[in-house]
Amino acid sequence: MEQKIKHLEMVQDIVKRMASNSFFLKGWTVTLVAALLVFLVEVNDETILYVAFLPILMFWSLDGYFLRQERLFRKLYNHTCTLKNEKIDFLMDTSGFQKETASVLSVMFSITLFLFYGSMVVMIGLLVYFL
């Protein structure tokens, strides 16, 4: 039983790391977009608004990737829970769950990511339209 618990702890640590990566990406997105908007006010050049789409799209795709990886490792965690102790091999291979998990693009348009990043895209789009 000790081997199973150790393997589950290893997988759980990876899931935690993926979740913290997602948190940091959201923070960096807000920071960079806010900085670009402040720079827009200073320079008074509307083309900077178009540049603001770049970090949003870049971090949105990275966040989708990390969320997909988190889902893959959750499946590995659940699979490891069902294994007998003598079958624990400490492999961190998630390739067996690739087909069961949505693609990065699908994950990008999940409710949580779409609401966060989509609202930023809409906000920048409205600024482009009205300025």
C-alpha atoms as a PDB file:
ATOM      1  CA  MET A   1       0.000   0.000   0.000  1.00  0.00           C
ATOM      2  CA  GLU A   2       2.920   2.333   0.670  1.00  0.00           C
ATOM      3  CA  GLN A   3       3.983   2.200  -2.999  1.00  0.00           C
ATOM      4  CA  LYS A   4       0.517   3.185  -4.185  1.00  0.00           C
ATOM      5  CA  ILE A   5       0.354   6.111  -1.787  1.00  0.00           C
ATOM      6  CA  LYS A   6       3.787   7.336  -2.897  1.00  0.00           C
ATOM      7  CA  HIS A   7       2.833   7.112  -6.579  1.00  0.00           C
ATOM      8  CA  LEU A   8      -0.454   8.926  -5.931  1.00  0.00           C
ATOM      9  CA  GLU A   9       1.431  11.671  -4.105  1.00  0.00           C
ATOM     10  CA  MET A  10       3.765  12.071  -7.083  1.00  0.00           C
ATOM     11  CA  VAL A  11       0.844  12.393  -9.497  1.00  0.00           C
ATOM     12  CA  GLN A  12      -0.973  14.794  -7.151  1.00  0.00           C
ATOM     13  CA  ASP A  13       2.115  17.018  -7.000  1.00  0.00           C
ATOM     14  CA  ILE A  14       2.076  17.286 -10.793  1.00  0.00           C
ATOM     15  CA  VAL A  15      -1.637  18.158 -10.780  1.00  0.00           C
ATOM     16  CA  LYS A  16      -0.944  20.895  -8.222  1.00  0.00           C
ATOM     17  CA  ARG A  17       1.896  22.250 -10.361  1.00  0.00           C
ATOM     18  CA  MET A  18      -0.351  22.396 -13.433  1.00  0.00           C
ATOM     19  CA  ALA A  19      -3.014  24.261 -11.446  1.00  0.00           C
ATOM     20  CA  SER A  20      -0.471  26.775 -10.150  1.00  0.00           C
ATOM     21  CA  ASN A  21       0.859  27.286 -13.688  1.00  0.00           C
ATOM     22  CA  SER A  22      -2.666  28.132 -14.787  1.00  0.00           C
ATOM     23  CA  PHE A  23      -2.998  30.630 -11.939  1.00  0.00           C
ATOM     24  CA  PHE A  24       0.281  32.325 -12.863  1.00  0.00           C
ATOM     25  CA  LEU A  25      -0.678  32.511 -16.547  1.00  0.00           C
ATOM     26  CA  LYS A  26      -3.900  34.305 -15.690  1.00  0.00           C
ATOM     27  CA  GLY A  27      -2.003  36.741 -13.499  1.00  0.00           C
ATOM     28  CA  TRP A  28       0.556  37.452 -16.211  1.00  0.00           C
ATOM     29  CA  THR A  29      -2.204  37.954 -18.772  1.00  0.00           C
ATOM     30  CA  VAL A  30      -3.970  40.562 -16.659  1.00  0.00           C
ATOM     31  CA  THR A  31      -0.665  42.269 -15.851  1.00  0.00           C
ATOM     32  CA  LEU A  32       0.535  42.479 -19.460  1.00  0.00           C
ATOM     33  CA  VAL A  33      -2.811  43.609 -20.868  1.00  0.00           C
ATOM     34  CA  ALA A  34      -3.144  46.258 -18.145  1.00  0.00           C
ATOM     35  CA  ALA A  35       0.410  47.454 -18.841  1.00  0.00           C
ATOM     36  CA  LEU A  36      -0.359  47.692 -22.561  1.00  0.00           C
ATOM     37  CA  LEU A  37      -3.509  49.697 -21.812  1.00  0.00           C
ATOM     38  CA  VAL A  38      -1.542  52.089 -19.601  1.00  0.00           C
ATOM     39  CA  PHE A  39       1.050  52.381 -22.355  1.00  0.00           C
ATOM     40  CA  LEU A  40      -1.782  53.128 -24.809  1.00  0.00           C
ATOM     41  CA  VAL A  41      -2.885  56.064 -22.656  1.00  0.00           C
ATOM     42  CA  GLU A  42       0.701  57.370 -22.451  1.00  0.00           C
ATOM     43  CA  VAL A  43       1.507  57.030 -26.160  1.00  0.00           C
ATOM     44  CA  ASN A  44      -2.014  57.601 -27.492  1.00  0.00           C
ATOM     45  CA  ASP A  45      -1.551  55.038 -30.292  1.00  0.00           C
ATOM     46  CA  GLU A  46      -4.493  52.715 -30.910  1.00  0.00           C
ATOM     47  CA  THR A  47      -2.331  50.091 -32.662  1.00  0.00           C
ATOM     48  CA  ILE A  48      -1.159  49.018 -29.210  1.00  0.00           C
ATOM     49  CA  LEU A  49      -4.649  47.615 -28.680  1.00  0.00           C
ATOM     50  CA  TYR A  50      -3.994  45.089 -31.432  1.00  0.00           C
ATOM     51  CA  VAL A  51      -0.776  44.055 -29.696  1.00  0.00           C
ATOM     52  CA  ALA A  52      -2.821  43.311 -26.550  1.00  0.00           C
ATOM     53  CA  PHE A  53      -4.467  40.396 -28.356  1.00  0.00           C
ATOM     54  CA  LEU A  54      -1.093  38.633 -28.608  1.00  0.00           C
ATOM     55  CA  PRO A  55      -0.483  37.893 -24.902  1.00  0.00           C
ATOM     56  CA  ILE A  56      -4.144  36.993 -24.436  1.00  0.00           C
ATOM     57  CA  LEU A  57      -4.054  34.416 -27.218  1.00  0.00           C
ATOM     58  CA  MET A  58      -0.618  33.125 -26.243  1.00  0.00           C
ATOM     59  CA  PHE A  59      -1.470  32.657 -22.561  1.00  0.00           C
ATOM     60  CA  TRP A  60      -4.925  31.280 -23.430  1.00  0.00           C
ATOM     61  CA  SER A  61      -3.336  28.506 -25.482  1.00  0.00           C
ATOM     62  CA  LEU A  62      -0.735  27.788 -22.785  1.00  0.00           C
ATOM     63  CA  ASP A  63      -3.457  27.666 -20.153  1.00  0.00           C
ATOM     64  CA  GLY A  64      -5.409  25.231 -22.329  1.00  0.00           C
ATOM     65  CA  TYR A  65      -2.319  23.059 -22.624  1.00  0.00           C
ATOM     66  CA  PHE A  66      -1.737  23.020 -18.856  1.00  0.00           C
ATOM     67  CA  LEU A  67      -5.399  22.304 -18.140  1.00  0.00           C
ATOM     68  CA  ARG A  68      -5.307  19.383 -20.567  1.00  0.00           C
ATOM     69  CA  GLN A  69      -2.173  18.044 -18.908  1.00  0.00           C
ATOM     70  CA  GLU A  70      -3.871  18.391 -15.528  1.00  0.00           C
ATOM     71  CA  ARG A  71      -6.827  16.368 -16.802  1.00  0.00           C
ATOM     72  CA  LEU A  72      -4.501  13.684 -18.167  1.00  0.00           C
ATOM     73  CA  PHE A  73      -2.745  13.354 -14.828  1.00  0.00           C
ATOM     74  CA  ARG A  74      -6.078  13.191 -13.011  1.00  0.00           C
ATOM     75  CA  LYS A  75      -6.954  10.229 -15.203  1.00  0.00           C
ATOM     76  CA  LEU A  76      -3.589   8.667 -14.330  1.00  0.00           C
ATOM     77  CA  TYR A  77      -4.358   9.291 -10.651  1.00  0.00           C
ATOM     78  CA  ASN A  78      -7.748   7.575 -10.944  1.00  0.00           C
ATOM     79  CA  HIS A  79      -6.167   4.688 -12.838  1.00  0.00           C
ATOM     80  CA  THR A  80      -3.458   4.296 -10.195  1.00  0.00           C
ATOM     81  CA  CYS A  81      -6.133   4.158  -7.484  1.00  0.00           C
ATOM     82  CA  THR A  82      -7.546   1.015  -9.100  1.00  0.00           C
ATOM     83  CA  LEU A  83      -4.205  -0.804  -9.393  1.00  0.00           C
ATOM     84  CA  LYS A  84      -3.126  -3.481  -6.969  1.00  0.00           C
ATOM     85  CA  ASN A  85       0.000  -2.632  -4.974  1.00  0.00           C
ATOM     86  CA  GLU A  86       2.215  -5.113  -6.842  1.00  0.00           C
ATOM     87  CA  LYS A  87       1.219  -3.497 -10.185  1.00  0.00           C
ATOM     88  CA  ILE A  88       2.506  -0.021  -9.197  1.00  0.00           C
ATOM     89  CA  ASP A  89       5.334   0.859 -11.602  1.00  0.00           C
ATOM     90  CA  PHE A  90       5.738   4.598 -10.833  1.00  0.00           C
ATOM     91  CA  LEU A  91       5.372   5.472 -14.519  1.00  0.00           C
ATOM     92  CA  MET A  92       4.065   8.949 -15.218  1.00  0.00           C
ATOM     93  CA  ASP A  93       3.021   8.092 -18.774  1.00  0.00           C
ATOM     94  CA  THR A  94      -0.331   9.640 -19.712  1.00  0.00           C
ATOM     95  CA  SER A  95      -0.295   8.486 -23.342  1.00  0.00           C
ATOM     96  CA  GLY A  96      -2.931   5.842 -22.602  1.00  0.00           C
ATOM     97  CA  PHE A  97      -5.422   8.581 -21.743  1.00  0.00           C
ATOM     98  CA  GLN A  98      -4.814  10.872 -24.745  1.00  0.00           C
ATOM     99  CA  LYS A  99      -7.890   9.719 -26.659  1.00  0.00           C
ATOM    100  CA  GLU A 100     -10.125   9.962 -23.588  1.00  0.00           C
ATOM    101  CA  THR A 101      -9.201  13.591 -22.960  1.00  0.00           C
ATOM    102  CA  ALA A 102     -10.327  16.575 -25.011  1.00  0.00           C
ATOM    103  CA  SER A 103      -7.793  18.296 -27.265  1.00  0.00           C
ATOM    104  CA  VAL A 104      -6.007  21.483 -26.264  1.00  0.00           C
ATOM    105  CA  LEU A 105      -8.303  23.488 -28.542  1.00  0.00           C
ATOM    106  CA  SER A 106     -11.405  21.981 -26.947  1.00  0.00           C
ATOM    107  CA  VAL A 107     -10.029  22.650 -23.485  1.00  0.00           C
ATOM    108  CA  MET A 108      -9.271  26.254 -24.471  1.00  0.00           C
ATOM    109  CA  PHE A 109     -12.974  26.736 -25.108  1.00  0.00           C
ATOM    110  CA  SER A 110     -14.080  25.138 -21.846  1.00  0.00           C
ATOM    111  CA  ILE A 111     -16.339  27.349 -19.744  1.00  0.00           C
ATOM    112  CA  THR A 112     -13.690  28.463 -17.259  1.00  0.00           C
ATOM    113  CA  LEU A 113     -11.011  29.425 -19.766  1.00  0.00           C
ATOM    114  CA  PHE A 114     -13.446  30.856 -22.298  1.00  0.00           C
ATOM    115  CA  LEU A 115     -15.075  33.150 -19.728  1.00  0.00           C
ATOM    116  CA  PHE A 116     -11.729  34.479 -18.498  1.00  0.00           C
ATOM    117  CA  TYR A 117      -9.850  34.928 -21.770  1.00  0.00           C
ATOM    118  CA  GLY A 118     -12.927  35.502 -23.923  1.00  0.00           C
ATOM    119  CA  SER A 119     -14.021  38.411 -21.738  1.00  0.00           C
ATOM    120  CA  MET A 120     -10.580  39.967 -22.170  1.00  0.00           C
ATOM    121  CA  VAL A 121     -10.783  39.543 -25.950  1.00  0.00           C
ATOM    122  CA  VAL A 122     -14.245  41.155 -25.935  1.00  0.00           C
ATOM    123  CA  MET A 123     -12.998  44.021 -23.775  1.00  0.00           C
ATOM    124  CA  ILE A 124     -10.055  44.727 -26.081  1.00  0.00           C
ATOM    125  CA  GLY A 125     -12.338  44.321 -29.108  1.00  0.00           C
ATOM    126  CA  LEU A 126     -14.732  46.927 -27.706  1.00  0.00           C
ATOM    127  CA  LEU A 127     -11.851  49.301 -27.087  1.00  0.00           C
ATOM    128  CA  VAL A 128     -10.661  48.803 -30.679  1.00  0.00           C
ATOM    129  CA  TYR A 129     -14.184  49.481 -31.945  1.00  0.00           C
ATOM    130  CA  PHE A 130     -14.831  52.588 -29.875  1.00  0.00           C
ATOM    131  CA  LEU A 131     -11.402  54.231 -30.111  1.00  0.00           C
END
